[in-house]
Amino acid sequence: MQIDWQALGTVLGVTLAVTIGLVGVFTLGIVGLAKRESGTDGAAASGGAAVLTRTGAYACFALCAAAVAYGIFLIVA
């Protein structure tokens, strides 16, 4: 029985990178919504900055949902 260590290392590296990236994007979404809720984002809590913060947070969550859906697709296919 031979183990392809290079392939195993590649899978490990990609898994770690995607996991850290996905957690980071989700965290950015939570921080964006938390700043919008509390109004502690600096100069203006309303207007264009609030809309941009909320849109960015929702985009982060959409990216996370897309990554999860793609993972489920890979498992099922």
PDB file of N, CA and C in Angstrom:
ATOM      1  N   MET A   1       0.845  -1.178   0.000  1.00  0.00           N
ATOM      2  CA  MET A   1       0.000   0.000   0.000  1.00  0.00           C
ATOM      3  C   MET A   1       0.890   1.241   0.000  1.00  0.00           C
ATOM      4  N   GLN A   2       0.688   2.084  -0.978  1.00  0.00           N
ATOM      5  CA  GLN A   2       1.478   3.305  -1.107  1.00  0.00           C
ATOM      6  C   GLN A   2       0.603   4.518  -0.807  1.00  0.00           C
ATOM      7  N   ILE A   3       1.152   5.442  -0.058  1.00  0.00           N
ATOM      8  CA  ILE A   3       0.456   6.692   0.244  1.00  0.00           C
ATOM      9  C   ILE A   3       1.100   7.792  -0.581  1.00  0.00           C
ATOM     10  N   ASP A   4       0.278   8.515  -1.322  1.00  0.00           N
ATOM     11  CA  ASP A   4       0.772   9.645  -2.106  1.00  0.00           C
ATOM     12  C   ASP A   4       0.813  10.862  -1.187  1.00  0.00           C
ATOM     13  N   TRP A   5       1.984  11.088  -0.583  1.00  0.00           N
ATOM     14  CA  TRP A   5       2.125  12.139   0.416  1.00  0.00           C
ATOM     15  C   TRP A   5       1.972  13.531  -0.186  1.00  0.00           C
ATOM     16  N   GLN A   6       2.360  13.684  -1.427  1.00  0.00           N
ATOM     17  CA  GLN A   6       2.225  14.991  -2.074  1.00  0.00           C
ATOM     18  C   GLN A   6       0.746  15.343  -2.258  1.00  0.00           C
ATOM     19  N   ALA A   7      -0.052  14.381  -2.689  1.00  0.00           N
ATOM     20  CA  ALA A   7      -1.478  14.626  -2.852  1.00  0.00           C
ATOM     21  C   ALA A   7      -2.133  14.882  -1.499  1.00  0.00           C
ATOM     22  N   LEU A   8      -1.717  14.145  -0.488  1.00  0.00           N
ATOM     23  CA  LEU A   8      -2.261  14.352   0.850  1.00  0.00           C
ATOM     24  C   LEU A   8      -1.915  15.733   1.376  1.00  0.00           C
ATOM     25  N   GLY A   9      -0.694  16.181   1.136  1.00  0.00           N
ATOM     26  CA  GLY A   9      -0.283  17.519   1.546  1.00  0.00           C
ATOM     27  C   GLY A   9      -1.034  18.606   0.799  1.00  0.00           C
ATOM     28  N   THR A  10      -1.295  18.372  -0.488  1.00  0.00           N
ATOM     29  CA  THR A  10      -2.061  19.338  -1.279  1.00  0.00           C
ATOM     30  C   THR A  10      -3.481  19.472  -0.749  1.00  0.00           C
ATOM     31  N   VAL A  11      -4.110  18.357  -0.459  1.00  0.00           N
ATOM     32  CA  VAL A  11      -5.463  18.377   0.094  1.00  0.00           C
ATOM     33  C   VAL A  11      -5.473  19.087   1.448  1.00  0.00           C
ATOM     34  N   LEU A  12      -4.494  18.821   2.274  1.00  0.00           N
ATOM     35  CA  LEU A  12      -4.403  19.474   3.578  1.00  0.00           C
ATOM     36  C   LEU A  12      -4.239  20.986   3.426  1.00  0.00           C
ATOM     37  N   GLY A  13      -3.344  21.402   2.525  1.00  0.00           N
ATOM     38  CA  GLY A  13      -3.107  22.831   2.320  1.00  0.00           C
ATOM     39  C   GLY A  13      -4.331  23.561   1.797  1.00  0.00           C
ATOM     40  N   VAL A  14      -5.001  22.975   0.814  1.00  0.00           N
ATOM     41  CA  VAL A  14      -6.198  23.605   0.252  1.00  0.00           C
ATOM     42  C   VAL A  14      -7.309  23.652   1.292  1.00  0.00           C
ATOM     43  N   THR A  15      -7.457  22.604   2.060  1.00  0.00           N
ATOM     44  CA  THR A  15      -8.486  22.576   3.094  1.00  0.00           C
ATOM     45  C   THR A  15      -8.241  23.647   4.142  1.00  0.00           C
ATOM     46  N   LEU A  16      -7.014  23.787   4.596  1.00  0.00           N
ATOM     47  CA  LEU A  16      -6.697  24.823   5.582  1.00  0.00           C
ATOM     48  C   LEU A  16      -6.926  26.226   5.023  1.00  0.00           C
ATOM     49  N   ALA A  17      -6.504  26.458   3.793  1.00  0.00           N
ATOM     50  CA  ALA A  17      -6.657  27.787   3.192  1.00  0.00           C
ATOM     51  C   ALA A  17      -8.124  28.156   3.014  1.00  0.00           C
ATOM     52  N   VAL A  18      -8.919  27.222   2.520  1.00  0.00           N
ATOM     53  CA  VAL A  18     -10.344  27.503   2.308  1.00  0.00           C
ATOM     54  C   VAL A  18     -11.064  27.680   3.639  1.00  0.00           C
ATOM     55  N   THR A  19     -10.733  26.885   4.623  1.00  0.00           N
ATOM     56  CA  THR A  19     -11.369  27.010   5.931  1.00  0.00           C
ATOM     57  C   THR A  19     -11.050  28.349   6.569  1.00  0.00           C
ATOM     58  N   ILE A  20      -9.795  28.733   6.562  1.00  0.00           N
ATOM     59  CA  ILE A  20      -9.403  30.019   7.151  1.00  0.00           C
ATOM     60  C   ILE A  20     -10.043  31.168   6.378  1.00  0.00           C
ATOM     61  N   GLY A  21     -10.069  31.071   5.060  1.00  0.00           N
ATOM     62  CA  GLY A  21     -10.698  32.109   4.251  1.00  0.00           C
ATOM     63  C   GLY A  21     -12.185  32.225   4.498  1.00  0.00           C
ATOM     64  N   LEU A  22     -12.879  31.099   4.585  1.00  0.00           N
ATOM     65  CA  LEU A  22     -14.321  31.108   4.805  1.00  0.00           C
ATOM     66  C   LEU A  22     -14.668  31.653   6.184  1.00  0.00           C
ATOM     67  N   VAL A  23     -13.927  31.271   7.187  1.00  0.00           N
ATOM     68  CA  VAL A  23     -14.154  31.800   8.532  1.00  0.00           C
ATOM     69  C   VAL A  23     -13.868  33.299   8.569  1.00  0.00           C
ATOM     70  N   GLY A  24     -12.845  33.733   7.867  1.00  0.00           N
ATOM     71  CA  GLY A  24     -12.528  35.156   7.801  1.00  0.00           C
ATOM     72  C   GLY A  24     -13.626  35.961   7.128  1.00  0.00           C
ATOM     73  N   VAL A  25     -14.159  35.457   6.028  1.00  0.00           N
ATOM     74  CA  VAL A  25     -15.238  36.162   5.323  1.00  0.00           C
ATOM     75  C   VAL A  25     -16.498  36.212   6.187  1.00  0.00           C
ATOM     76  N   PHE A  26     -16.818  35.120   6.859  1.00  0.00           N
ATOM     77  CA  PHE A  26     -17.989  35.105   7.739  1.00  0.00           C
ATOM     78  C   PHE A  26     -17.805  36.099   8.890  1.00  0.00           C
ATOM     79  N   THR A  27     -16.596  36.171   9.422  1.00  0.00           N
ATOM     80  CA  THR A  27     -16.301  37.115  10.497  1.00  0.00           C
ATOM     81  C   THR A  27     -16.459  38.557  10.021  1.00  0.00           C
ATOM     82  N   LEU A  28     -16.011  38.844   8.807  1.00  0.00           N
ATOM     83  CA  LEU A  28     -16.200  40.182   8.249  1.00  0.00           C
ATOM     84  C   LEU A  28     -17.687  40.528   8.129  1.00  0.00           C
ATOM     85  N   GLY A  29     -18.503  39.563   7.760  1.00  0.00           N
ATOM     86  CA  GLY A  29     -19.942  39.790   7.685  1.00  0.00           C
ATOM     87  C   GLY A  29     -20.540  40.093   9.045  1.00  0.00           C
ATOM     88  N   ILE A  30     -20.129  39.361  10.050  1.00  0.00           N
ATOM     89  CA  ILE A  30     -20.640  39.601  11.403  1.00  0.00           C
ATOM     90  C   ILE A  30     -20.195  40.955  11.914  1.00  0.00           C
ATOM     91  N   VAL A  31     -18.942  41.309  11.683  1.00  0.00           N
ATOM     92  CA  VAL A  31     -18.434  42.612  12.120  1.00  0.00           C
ATOM     93  C   VAL A  31     -19.173  43.741  11.400  1.00  0.00           C
ATOM     94  N   GLY A  32     -19.443  43.553  10.113  1.00  0.00           N
ATOM     95  CA  GLY A  32     -20.178  44.565   9.362  1.00  0.00           C
ATOM     96  C   GLY A  32     -21.574  44.786   9.907  1.00  0.00           C
ATOM     97  N   LEU A  33     -22.261  43.716  10.236  1.00  0.00           N
ATOM     98  CA  LEU A  33     -23.605  43.860  10.804  1.00  0.00           C
ATOM     99  C   LEU A  33     -23.554  44.417  12.219  1.00  0.00           C
ATOM    100  N   ALA A  34     -22.546  44.053  12.988  1.00  0.00           N
ATOM    101  CA  ALA A  34     -22.435  44.560  14.359  1.00  0.00           C
ATOM    102  C   ALA A  34     -22.161  46.060  14.353  1.00  0.00           C
ATOM    103  N   LYS A  35     -21.329  46.525  13.446  1.00  0.00           N
ATOM    104  CA  LYS A  35     -21.067  47.959  13.362  1.00  0.00           C
ATOM    105  C   LYS A  35     -22.306  48.716  12.915  1.00  0.00           C
ATOM    106  N   ARG A  36     -23.068  48.120  12.025  1.00  0.00           N
ATOM    107  CA  ARG A  36     -24.293  48.758  11.560  1.00  0.00           C
ATOM    108  C   ARG A  36     -25.311  48.859  12.685  1.00  0.00           C
ATOM    109  N   GLU A  37     -25.410  47.813  13.488  1.00  0.00           N
ATOM    110  CA  GLU A  37     -26.382  47.785  14.581  1.00  0.00           C
ATOM    111  C   GLU A  37     -26.035  48.793  15.670  1.00  0.00           C
ATOM    112  N   SER A  38     -24.760  48.839  16.054  1.00  0.00           N
ATOM    113  CA  SER A  38     -24.383  49.675  17.180  1.00  0.00           C
ATOM    114  C   SER A  38     -24.069  51.108  16.784  1.00  0.00           C
ATOM    115  N   GLY A  39     -23.808  51.360  15.515  1.00  0.00           N
ATOM    116  CA  GLY A  39     -23.504  52.707  15.067  1.00  0.00           C
ATOM    117  C   GLY A  39     -22.127  53.190  15.491  1.00  0.00           C
ATOM    118  N   THR A  40     -21.185  52.272  15.642  1.00  0.00           N
ATOM    119  CA  THR A  40     -19.836  52.646  16.098  1.00  0.00           C
ATOM    120  C   THR A  40     -18.838  52.633  14.951  1.00  0.00           C
ATOM    121  N   ASP A  41     -19.305  52.883  13.738  1.00  0.00           N
ATOM    122  CA  ASP A  41     -18.389  52.806  12.610  1.00  0.00           C
ATOM    123  C   ASP A  41     -17.708  54.131  12.318  1.00  0.00           C
ATOM    124  N   GLY A  42     -17.617  54.994  13.275  1.00  0.00           N
ATOM    125  CA  GLY A  42     -16.862  56.221  13.079  1.00  0.00           C
ATOM    126  C   GLY A  42     -17.758  57.430  12.927  1.00  0.00           C
ATOM    127  N   ALA A  43     -17.577  58.141  11.833  1.00  0.00           N
ATOM    128  CA  ALA A  43     -18.231  59.429  11.663  1.00  0.00           C
ATOM    129  C   ALA A  43     -19.739  59.306  11.471  1.00  0.00           C
ATOM    130  N   ALA A  44     -20.181  58.459  10.584  1.00  0.00           N
ATOM    131  CA  ALA A  44     -21.607  58.420  10.254  1.00  0.00           C
ATOM    132  C   ALA A  44     -22.146  57.011  10.411  1.00  0.00           C
ATOM    133  N   ALA A  45     -23.248  56.896  11.138  1.00  0.00           N
ATOM    134  CA  ALA A  45     -23.889  55.595  11.300  1.00  0.00           C
ATOM    135  C   ALA A  45     -25.047  55.445  10.342  1.00  0.00           C
ATOM    136  N   SER A  46     -25.391  56.493   9.624  1.00  0.00           N
ATOM    137  CA  SER A  46     -26.486  56.412   8.672  1.00  0.00           C
ATOM    138  C   SER A  46     -26.017  56.947   7.335  1.00  0.00           C
ATOM    139  N   GLY A  47     -26.860  56.810   6.341  1.00  0.00           N
ATOM    140  CA  GLY A  47     -26.510  57.311   5.020  1.00  0.00           C
ATOM    141  C   GLY A  47     -25.757  56.293   4.210  1.00  0.00           C
ATOM    142  N   GLY A  48     -24.837  56.777   3.380  1.00  0.00           N
ATOM    143  CA  GLY A  48     -24.103  55.918   2.460  1.00  0.00           C
ATOM    144  C   GLY A  48     -23.217  54.909   3.143  1.00  0.00           C
ATOM    145  N   ALA A  49     -22.617  55.293   4.276  1.00  0.00           N
ATOM    146  CA  ALA A  49     -21.721  54.368   4.974  1.00  0.00           C
ATOM    147  C   ALA A  49     -22.489  53.173   5.526  1.00  0.00           C
ATOM    148  N   ALA A  50     -23.680  53.410   6.037  1.00  0.00           N
ATOM    149  CA  ALA A  50     -24.470  52.310   6.593  1.00  0.00           C
ATOM    150  C   ALA A  50     -24.920  51.355   5.494  1.00  0.00           C
ATOM    151  N   VAL A  51     -25.312  51.910   4.365  1.00  0.00           N
ATOM    152  CA  VAL A  51     -25.748  51.068   3.249  1.00  0.00           C
ATOM    153  C   VAL A  51     -24.580  50.241   2.727  1.00  0.00           C
ATOM    154  N   LEU A  52     -23.422  50.853   2.617  1.00  0.00           N
ATOM    155  CA  LEU A  52     -22.235  50.143   2.145  1.00  0.00           C
ATOM    156  C   LEU A  52     -21.824  49.041   3.118  1.00  0.00           C
ATOM    157  N   THR A  53     -21.902  49.319   4.406  1.00  0.00           N
ATOM    158  CA  THR A  53     -21.549  48.319   5.418  1.00  0.00           C
ATOM    159  C   THR A  53     -22.511  47.142   5.376  1.00  0.00           C
ATOM    160  N   ARG A  54     -23.794  47.435   5.279  1.00  0.00           N
ATOM    161  CA  ARG A  54     -24.804  46.367   5.242  1.00  0.00           C
ATOM    162  C   ARG A  54     -24.666  45.539   3.967  1.00  0.00           C
ATOM    163  N   THR A  55     -24.428  46.206   2.837  1.00  0.00           N
ATOM    164  CA  THR A  55     -24.264  45.495   1.571  1.00  0.00           C
ATOM    165  C   THR A  55     -23.025  44.600   1.603  1.00  0.00           C
ATOM    166  N   GLY A  56     -21.945  45.097   2.169  1.00  0.00           N
ATOM    167  CA  GLY A  56     -20.738  44.291   2.286  1.00  0.00           C
ATOM    168  C   GLY A  56     -20.937  43.077   3.177  1.00  0.00           C
ATOM    169  N   ALA A  57     -21.664  43.267   4.272  1.00  0.00           N
ATOM    170  CA  ALA A  57     -21.936  42.149   5.184  1.00  0.00           C
ATOM    171  C   ALA A  57     -22.780  41.088   4.490  1.00  0.00           C
ATOM    172  N   TYR A  58     -23.805  41.526   3.770  1.00  0.00           N
ATOM    173  CA  TYR A  58     -24.647  40.562   3.059  1.00  0.00           C
ATOM    174  C   TYR A  58     -23.875  39.862   1.943  1.00  0.00           C
ATOM    175  N   ALA A  59     -22.959  40.568   1.306  1.00  0.00           N
ATOM    176  CA  ALA A  59     -22.123  39.946   0.278  1.00  0.00           C
ATOM    177  C   ALA A  59     -21.214  38.875   0.891  1.00  0.00           C
ATOM    178  N   CYS A  60     -20.697  39.142   2.079  1.00  0.00           N
ATOM    179  CA  CYS A  60     -19.866  38.143   2.766  1.00  0.00           C
ATOM    180  C   CYS A  60     -20.674  36.893   3.086  1.00  0.00           C
ATOM    181  N   PHE A  61     -21.913  37.086   3.569  1.00  0.00           N
ATOM    182  CA  PHE A  61     -22.753  35.934   3.880  1.00  0.00           C
ATOM    183  C   PHE A  61     -23.146  35.176   2.619  1.00  0.00           C
ATOM    184  N   ALA A  62     -23.381  35.897   1.524  1.00  0.00           N
ATOM    185  CA  ALA A  62     -23.710  35.234   0.259  1.00  0.00           C
ATOM    186  C   ALA A  62     -22.528  34.406  -0.237  1.00  0.00           C
ATOM    187  N   LEU A  63     -21.318  34.926  -0.073  1.00  0.00           N
ATOM    188  CA  LEU A  63     -20.128  34.177  -0.467  1.00  0.00           C
ATOM    189  C   LEU A  63     -19.983  32.905   0.368  1.00  0.00           C
ATOM    190  N   CYS A  64     -20.269  33.003   1.654  1.00  0.00           N
ATOM    191  CA  CYS A  64     -20.212  31.811   2.517  1.00  0.00           C
ATOM    192  C   CYS A  64     -21.257  30.787   2.095  1.00  0.00           C
ATOM    193  N   ALA A  65     -22.463  31.254   1.809  1.00  0.00           N
ATOM    194  CA  ALA A  65     -23.530  30.341   1.376  1.00  0.00           C
ATOM    195  C   ALA A  65     -23.165  29.676   0.053  1.00  0.00           C
ATOM    196  N   ALA A  66     -22.552  30.426  -0.854  1.00  0.00           N
ATOM    197  CA  ALA A  66     -22.141  29.849  -2.133  1.00  0.00           C
ATOM    198  C   ALA A  66     -21.056  28.795  -1.937  1.00  0.00           C
ATOM    199  N   ALA A  67     -20.120  29.043  -1.033  1.00  0.00           N
ATOM    200  CA  ALA A  67     -19.066  28.066  -0.770  1.00  0.00           C
ATOM    201  C   ALA A  67     -19.642  26.788  -0.160  1.00  0.00           C
ATOM    202  N   VAL A  68     -20.594  26.925   0.738  1.00  0.00           N
ATOM    203  CA  VAL A  68     -21.232  25.747   1.340  1.00  0.00           C
ATOM    204  C   VAL A  68     -22.025  24.976   0.289  1.00  0.00           C
ATOM    205  N   ALA A  69     -22.760  25.690  -0.558  1.00  0.00           N
ATOM    206  CA  ALA A  69     -23.535  25.028  -1.614  1.00  0.00           C
ATOM    207  C   ALA A  69     -22.615  24.296  -2.585  1.00  0.00           C
ATOM    208  N   TYR A  70     -21.475  24.905  -2.919  1.00  0.00           N
ATOM    209  CA  TYR A  70     -20.519  24.251  -3.807  1.00  0.00           C
ATOM    210  C   TYR A  70     -19.936  22.991  -3.153  1.00  0.00           C
ATOM    211  N   GLY A  71     -19.658  23.059  -1.866  1.00  0.00           N
ATOM    212  CA  GLY A  71     -19.166  21.882  -1.155  1.00  0.00           C
ATOM    213  C   GLY A  71     -20.173  20.752  -1.148  1.00  0.00           C
ATOM    214  N   ILE A  72     -21.438  21.088  -0.930  1.00  0.00           N
ATOM    215  CA  ILE A  72     -22.493  20.068  -0.966  1.00  0.00           C
ATOM    216  C   ILE A  72     -22.627  19.494  -2.371  1.00  0.00           C
ATOM    217  N   PHE A  73     -22.514  20.363  -3.382  1.00  0.00           N
ATOM    218  CA  PHE A  73     -22.556  19.902  -4.759  1.00  0.00           C
ATOM    219  C   PHE A  73     -21.427  18.908  -5.041  1.00  0.00           C
ATOM    220  N   LEU A  74     -20.223  19.203  -4.554  1.00  0.00           N
ATOM    221  CA  LEU A  74     -19.100  18.294  -4.776  1.00  0.00           C
ATOM    222  C   LEU A  74     -19.292  16.961  -4.084  1.00  0.00           C
ATOM    223  N   ILE A  75     -19.927  16.969  -2.921  1.00  0.00           N
ATOM    224  CA  ILE A  75     -20.152  15.727  -2.204  1.00  0.00           C
ATOM    225  C   ILE A  75     -21.203  14.874  -2.904  1.00  0.00           C
ATOM    226  N   VAL A  76     -22.274  15.511  -3.378  1.00  0.00           N
ATOM    227  CA  VAL A  76     -23.379  14.786  -3.997  1.00  0.00           C
ATOM    228  C   VAL A  76     -23.004  14.283  -5.397  1.00  0.00           C
ATOM    229  N   ALA A  77     -22.270  15.093  -6.133  1.00  0.00           N
ATOM    230  CA  ALA A  77     -21.966  14.732  -7.541  1.00  0.00           C
ATOM    231  C   ALA A  77     -21.006  13.580  -7.665  1.00  0.00           C
TER     232      ALA A  77
END
